[in-house]
Protein backbone atom coordinates (compact mmCIF):
# COMPACT_ATOMS: atom_id res chain seq x y z
CA MET A 1 30.83 -212.62 143.30
CA LEU A 2 27.34 -213.77 142.32
CA ARG A 3 24.76 -211.89 144.37
CA HIS A 4 21.22 -212.86 145.31
CA GLY A 5 19.73 -209.79 143.65
CA ASP A 6 21.67 -210.39 140.43
CA ILE A 7 20.25 -213.85 139.82
CA TRP A 8 16.67 -212.74 140.42
CA ARG A 9 17.21 -209.68 138.24
CA ALA A 10 18.39 -211.95 135.44
CA ILE A 11 15.28 -214.11 135.76
CA ASP A 12 13.04 -211.04 135.62
CA ARG A 13 14.90 -209.72 132.58
CA LEU A 14 14.64 -213.10 130.86
CA ALA A 15 10.89 -213.14 131.45
CA GLU A 16 10.55 -209.57 130.14
CA ALA A 17 12.60 -210.38 127.04
CA HIS A 18 10.05 -213.05 126.16
CA GLY A 19 7.01 -210.92 126.95
CA LEU A 20 6.24 -212.85 130.11
CA SER A 21 5.75 -212.19 133.77
CA ALA A 22 7.83 -214.14 136.27
CA SER A 23 4.84 -216.42 136.76
CA GLY A 24 4.44 -216.87 133.02
CA LEU A 25 8.10 -217.79 132.69
CA ALA A 26 7.73 -220.41 135.41
CA ARG A 27 4.67 -221.91 133.71
CA ARG A 28 6.43 -222.05 130.34
CA ALA A 29 9.23 -224.03 131.99
CA GLY A 30 6.77 -226.47 133.53
CA LEU A 31 7.27 -225.11 137.03
CA ASP A 32 4.74 -224.06 139.61
CA ALA A 33 3.47 -220.59 138.67
CA THR A 34 4.60 -219.17 142.03
CA THR A 35 8.22 -220.42 141.75
CA PHE A 36 9.61 -217.00 140.85
CA ASN A 37 7.15 -214.81 142.75
CA LYS A 38 8.74 -211.95 144.66
CA SER A 39 7.28 -213.36 147.88
CA LYS A 40 9.36 -216.51 147.34
CA ARG A 41 12.66 -214.65 147.12
CA MET A 42 13.08 -214.17 150.87
CA THR A 43 12.26 -216.49 153.74
CA ALA A 44 9.86 -215.55 156.51
CA GLN A 45 12.94 -214.80 158.59
CA GLY A 46 14.21 -212.33 156.00
CA LYS A 47 16.99 -214.52 154.62
CA PRO A 48 17.68 -214.63 150.87
CA ARG A 49 16.15 -217.61 149.07
CA TRP A 50 17.91 -218.58 145.84
CA PRO A 51 16.29 -220.22 142.82
CA SER A 52 17.35 -223.83 142.39
CA THR A 53 19.82 -224.84 139.70
CA GLU A 54 17.12 -227.13 138.29
CA SER A 55 14.59 -224.30 137.94
CA VAL A 56 17.14 -222.06 136.20
CA ALA A 57 18.10 -224.90 133.84
CA LYS A 58 14.45 -225.46 132.97
CA VAL A 59 13.76 -221.83 132.08
CA LEU A 60 16.92 -221.65 129.97
CA ARG A 61 15.80 -224.73 128.06
CA ALA A 62 12.22 -223.46 127.73
CA THR A 63 13.36 -220.12 126.30
CA ASN A 64 16.27 -221.52 124.26
CA THR A 65 18.66 -219.30 126.21
CA SER A 66 22.33 -220.18 126.60
CA LEU A 67 24.15 -219.92 129.91
CA ALA A 68 26.27 -217.12 128.45
CA GLU A 69 23.16 -215.17 127.48
CA PHE A 70 21.76 -215.64 130.98
CA VAL A 71 25.03 -214.40 132.50
CA ALA A 72 24.73 -211.27 130.38
CA LEU A 73 21.37 -210.55 132.07
CA LEU A 74 22.92 -210.45 135.54
CA GLY A 75 23.78 -206.79 135.25
CA ASP A 76 26.92 -204.88 134.40
CA ALA A 77 28.86 -205.85 137.51
CA GLY A 78 27.81 -209.48 137.36
CA ALA A 79 28.48 -209.81 133.66
CA GLN A 80 31.95 -208.34 133.96
CA ALA A 81 32.81 -210.67 136.83
CA LEU A 82 31.33 -213.86 135.42
CA ALA A 83 31.62 -213.54 131.65
CA GLN A 84 34.03 -212.48 128.98
CA ARG A 85 33.77 -211.66 125.31
CA ILE A 86 35.80 -213.99 123.16
CA PRO A 87 36.52 -213.90 119.41
CA VAL A 88 34.86 -216.44 117.14
CA ILE A 89 37.01 -217.91 114.38
CA GLY A 90 35.57 -219.97 111.57
CA HIS A 91 37.02 -223.46 111.16
CA ALA A 92 38.18 -222.63 107.63
CA GLN A 93 39.85 -219.42 108.83
CA ALA A 94 41.65 -221.32 111.57
CA GLY A 95 43.62 -223.20 108.96
CA GLN A 96 44.88 -220.08 107.24
CA GLN A 97 48.17 -218.33 107.87
CA GLY A 98 48.22 -215.12 109.87
CA PHE A 99 45.29 -215.81 112.19
CA PHE A 100 47.41 -217.04 115.12
CA ASP A 101 50.75 -216.15 116.60
CA ASP A 102 53.40 -218.73 117.49
CA ALA A 103 51.78 -219.38 120.89
CA GLY A 104 48.41 -220.19 119.33
CA PHE A 105 46.75 -216.90 120.31
CA PRO A 106 44.38 -215.31 117.76
CA VAL A 107 45.76 -212.12 116.23
CA GLY A 108 44.16 -209.20 114.45
CA THR A 109 40.87 -207.40 115.03
CA GLY A 110 37.36 -207.38 113.66
CA TRP A 111 36.37 -210.86 114.85
CA ASP A 112 32.79 -211.66 115.70
CA GLU A 113 32.45 -212.10 119.44
CA VAL A 114 30.29 -214.11 121.82
CA LEU A 115 29.73 -213.70 125.55
CA PHE A 116 30.78 -216.77 127.51
CA PRO A 117 31.11 -217.61 131.20
CA HIS A 118 34.58 -216.56 132.29
CA VAL A 119 37.15 -219.25 131.46
CA GLY A 120 40.12 -217.59 133.15
CA ASP A 121 42.15 -217.01 129.98
CA PRO A 122 42.12 -213.58 128.29
CA HIS A 123 43.40 -215.25 125.11
CA ALA A 124 40.54 -217.76 124.89
CA TYR A 125 38.72 -217.95 121.58
CA ALA A 126 35.92 -219.95 119.98
CA LEU A 127 36.02 -222.11 116.88
CA GLU A 128 32.85 -222.80 114.95
CA VAL A 129 32.58 -226.49 114.09
CA SER A 130 32.13 -227.27 110.42
CA GLY A 131 31.20 -230.70 109.07
CA ASP A 132 30.77 -234.03 110.82
CA SER A 133 34.35 -234.97 111.73
CA MET A 134 33.78 -234.20 115.43
CA GLU A 135 30.40 -235.92 115.83
CA PRO A 136 28.80 -237.05 118.05
CA VAL A 137 30.67 -234.93 120.62
CA TYR A 138 30.53 -231.69 118.61
CA ARG A 139 28.20 -231.05 115.68
CA ASP A 140 28.16 -228.70 112.73
CA GLY A 141 27.54 -225.14 113.98
CA ASP A 142 28.61 -225.76 117.59
CA LEU A 143 31.12 -223.41 119.16
CA ILE A 144 34.06 -224.89 121.02
CA VAL A 145 36.00 -222.59 123.34
CA VAL A 146 39.77 -223.05 123.35
CA SER A 147 42.16 -221.87 126.06
CA PRO A 148 45.78 -221.54 124.84
CA GLN A 149 46.96 -220.97 128.42
CA ALA A 150 45.29 -224.04 129.93
CA THR A 151 47.49 -226.99 130.88
CA VAL A 152 46.96 -229.94 128.55
CA ARG A 153 46.84 -233.43 130.05
CA ARG A 154 46.26 -236.93 128.75
CA GLY A 155 42.57 -237.47 128.05
CA ASP A 156 41.83 -233.79 127.35
CA ARG A 157 39.98 -232.78 124.22
CA VAL A 158 42.24 -230.47 122.27
CA VAL A 159 42.50 -228.39 119.13
CA VAL A 160 45.70 -229.04 117.20
CA LYS A 161 47.03 -227.01 114.31
CA THR A 162 49.79 -228.49 112.17
CA THR A 163 52.53 -226.58 110.42
CA GLU A 164 50.71 -227.43 107.15
CA GLY A 165 47.67 -225.47 108.35
CA GLU A 166 45.41 -228.41 109.21
CA VAL A 167 43.18 -227.79 112.23
CA MET A 168 41.62 -230.73 114.08
CA ALA A 169 39.80 -231.41 117.33
CA LYS A 170 40.80 -234.70 118.93
CA GLN A 171 41.40 -236.33 122.31
CA LEU A 172 44.98 -236.38 123.50
CA VAL A 173 46.01 -239.99 124.14
CA ARG A 174 49.69 -239.44 124.81
CA GLN A 175 52.47 -236.94 124.31
CA THR A 176 56.09 -238.06 124.11
CA ALA A 177 59.31 -236.20 123.44
CA SER A 178 58.83 -236.74 119.72
CA ARG A 179 55.12 -236.93 118.93
CA ILE A 180 51.53 -236.58 120.05
CA GLU A 181 48.98 -239.37 119.72
CA LEU A 182 45.41 -238.28 119.11
CA ALA A 183 42.13 -240.22 119.21
CA SER A 184 39.34 -239.16 116.87
CA LEU A 185 36.05 -238.00 118.39
CA ASN A 186 34.24 -239.59 115.45
CA ALA A 187 34.69 -243.34 115.15
CA SER A 188 34.51 -243.11 111.36
CA HIS A 189 37.64 -240.95 111.28
CA GLU A 190 41.07 -242.39 111.94
CA ASP A 191 43.24 -241.61 114.94
CA ARG A 192 46.36 -239.55 114.29
CA THR A 193 49.98 -239.47 115.35
CA VAL A 194 51.71 -236.15 114.67
CA PRO A 195 55.46 -235.53 115.07
CA LEU A 196 56.07 -232.62 117.44
CA GLU A 197 58.01 -230.70 114.80
CA GLU A 198 54.80 -230.66 112.72
CA VAL A 199 52.63 -229.27 115.56
CA ALA A 200 52.14 -225.51 115.30
CA PHE A 201 50.19 -225.49 118.56
CA MET A 202 47.90 -227.59 120.74
CA ALA A 203 45.32 -226.05 123.08
CA ARG A 204 42.71 -227.51 125.39
CA ILE A 205 38.98 -227.26 124.71
CA VAL A 206 37.45 -225.86 127.90
CA TRP A 207 33.83 -225.19 126.93
CA ALA A 208 31.29 -225.95 124.23
CA SER A 209 28.08 -224.18 123.22
CA GLN A 210 25.73 -226.77 121.77
């Protein structure tokens, strides 16, 4: 559960990490200097006052801090409840044999890891986008988080690996008893139809770090 003290602690830690006071952090984000003052954290009646979603979004943007990094500042209890470490697999590695089991879960150890808001799947992993085939939705260097356990429905953005080792991110148009039809995220790349016997796995994209 996200607690009042956790969110304010994270804001204070974010300010400290950038050599700022809470007031300085507010000013950098274009907010009133008193927005994060300790006197503003409780009402006159002694009830907790929470920072607005807009103010948090502004300080994250002003400090170039991701949501996952902010979650990590909540404290040990908050981070464990709201975030998880997931392995990061390079796009080129994803096409190689031996990196996934038959269910599409990453195997092995020694992966780089990133901290992400909890996605509810202990087998979730991130793929680093390479090239322009997924633009403008995903760009070179972005991380897309894939959940092998998530239910895939028409219209979802998915990662598909073929039995030939090709890995692609597309939008699922339709799945029949014999094939899947995929729409390209980049208009300059063609749509694809893949026979089911040639699909090693298909998993839904549940998050992106851009």
